[in-house]
C-alpha atoms as a PDB file:
ATOM      1  CA  UNK A   1     -13.155  12.355 -20.489  1.00  0.00           C
ATOM      2  CA  UNK A   2     -11.517  15.559 -19.464  1.00  0.00           C
ATOM      3  CA  UNK A   3      -8.078  15.831 -17.946  1.00  0.00           C
ATOM      4  CA  UNK A   4      -9.493  16.690 -14.499  1.00  0.00           C
ATOM      5  CA  UNK A   5     -11.711  13.596 -14.572  1.00  0.00           C
ATOM      6  CA  UNK A   6      -8.719  11.420 -15.434  1.00  0.00           C
ATOM      7  CA  UNK A   7      -6.741  13.035 -12.631  1.00  0.00           C
ATOM      8  CA  UNK A   8      -9.539  12.319 -10.169  1.00  0.00           C
ATOM      9  CA  UNK A   9      -9.564   8.641 -11.115  1.00  0.00           C
ATOM     10  CA  UNK A  10      -5.794   8.429 -10.766  1.00  0.00           C
ATOM     11  CA  UNK A  11      -6.036   9.925  -7.279  1.00  0.00           C
ATOM     12  CA  UNK A  12      -8.713   7.400  -6.312  1.00  0.00           C
ATOM     13  CA  UNK A  13      -6.428   4.645  -7.586  1.00  0.00           C
ATOM     14  CA  UNK A  14      -3.474   6.005  -5.623  1.00  0.00           C
ATOM     15  CA  UNK A  15      -5.400   5.965  -2.371  1.00  0.00           C
ATOM     16  CA  UNK A  16      -6.777   2.517  -3.019  1.00  0.00           C
ATOM     17  CA  UNK A  17      -3.390   1.044  -3.875  1.00  0.00           C
ATOM     18  CA  UNK A  18      -1.696   2.606  -0.868  1.00  0.00           C
ATOM     19  CA  UNK A  19      -4.362   1.269   1.461  1.00  0.00           C
ATOM     20  CA  UNK A  20      -4.329  -2.172  -0.138  1.00  0.00           C
ATOM     21  CA  UNK A  21      -0.559  -2.509   0.133  1.00  0.00           C
ATOM     22  CA  UNK A  22      -0.498  -1.518   3.808  1.00  0.00           C
ATOM     23  CA  UNK A  23      -3.402  -3.825   4.713  1.00  0.00           C
ATOM     24  CA  UNK A  24      -1.845  -6.699   2.756  1.00  0.00           C
ATOM     25  CA  UNK A  25       1.483  -6.178   4.504  1.00  0.00           C
ATOM     26  CA  UNK A  26      -0.152  -6.254   7.936  1.00  0.00           C
ATOM     27  CA  UNK A  27      -2.229  -9.315   7.010  1.00  0.00           C
ATOM     28  CA  UNK A  28       0.782 -11.268   5.721  1.00  0.00           C
ATOM     29  CA  UNK A  29       2.792 -10.325   8.791  1.00  0.00           C
ATOM     30  CA  UNK A  30      -0.041 -11.310  11.103  1.00  0.00           C
ATOM     31  CA  UNK A  31      -0.399 -14.658   9.347  1.00  0.00           C
ATOM     32  CA  UNK A  32       3.330 -15.285   9.671  1.00  0.00           C
ATOM     33  CA  UNK A  33       3.263 -14.354  13.356  1.00  0.00           C
ATOM     34  CA  UNK A  34       0.370 -16.736  14.025  1.00  0.00           C
ATOM     35  CA  UNK A  35       2.003 -19.525  12.026  1.00  0.00           C
ATOM     36  CA  UNK A  36       5.377 -19.146  13.759  1.00  0.00           C
ATOM     37  CA  UNK A  37       3.930 -18.247  17.164  1.00  0.00           C
ATOM     38  CA  UNK A  38       6.085 -15.151  17.419  1.00  0.00           C
ATOM     39  CA  UNK A  39       5.531 -11.690  18.749  1.00  0.00           C
ATOM     40  CA  UNK A  40       4.020  -9.172  16.318  1.00  0.00           C
ATOM     41  CA  UNK A  41       7.416  -8.416  14.799  1.00  0.00           C
ATOM     42  CA  UNK A  42       6.535  -9.721  11.330  1.00  0.00           C
ATOM     43  CA  UNK A  43       3.294  -7.771  11.336  1.00  0.00           C
ATOM     44  CA  UNK A  44       5.199  -4.554  12.002  1.00  0.00           C
ATOM     45  CA  UNK A  45       7.943  -5.329   9.491  1.00  0.00           C
ATOM     46  CA  UNK A  46       5.572  -6.298   6.690  1.00  0.00           C
ATOM     47  CA  UNK A  47       3.264  -3.392   7.529  1.00  0.00           C
ATOM     48  CA  UNK A  48       6.173  -0.971   7.191  1.00  0.00           C
ATOM     49  CA  UNK A  49       7.281  -2.610   3.953  1.00  0.00           C
ATOM     50  CA  UNK A  50       3.732  -2.341   2.634  1.00  0.00           C
ATOM     51  CA  UNK A  51       3.643   1.340   3.541  1.00  0.00           C
ATOM     52  CA  UNK A  52       6.971   2.011   1.855  1.00  0.00           C
ATOM     53  CA  UNK A  53       5.916   0.093  -1.238  1.00  0.00           C
ATOM     54  CA  UNK A  54       2.596   1.929  -1.311  1.00  0.00           C
ATOM     55  CA  UNK A  55       4.250   5.324  -1.070  1.00  0.00           C
ATOM     56  CA  UNK A  56       6.671   4.445  -3.875  1.00  0.00           C
ATOM     57  CA  UNK A  57       3.804   3.212  -6.072  1.00  0.00           C
ATOM     58  CA  UNK A  58       1.783   6.365  -5.318  1.00  0.00           C
ATOM     59  CA  UNK A  59       4.805   8.507  -6.156  1.00  0.00           C
ATOM     60  CA  UNK A  60       5.227   6.799  -9.525  1.00  0.00           C
ATOM     61  CA  UNK A  61       1.545   7.227 -10.373  1.00  0.00           C
ATOM     62  CA  UNK A  62       1.526  10.881  -9.349  1.00  0.00           C
ATOM     63  CA  UNK A  63       4.675  11.609 -11.359  1.00  0.00           C
ATOM     64  CA  UNK A  64       3.013  10.078 -14.409  1.00  0.00           C
ATOM     65  CA  UNK A  65      -0.015  12.333 -13.779  1.00  0.00           C
ATOM     66  CA  UNK A  66       2.251  15.341 -14.133  1.00  0.00           C
END
């Protein structure tokens, strides 16, 4: 594989991981809110944490790409 092909696959992985972390954060928060019967505070908190974690993971992968 060429370097540009590898870079394309890394970018696909970055987008997928970012999306997965945000969706997982919202899903866990929603489940906690339903279980505890609370307002959507946990959904927002875990969604934000998922976004932050996804951005950090994307940053690390993109730094490794060079």
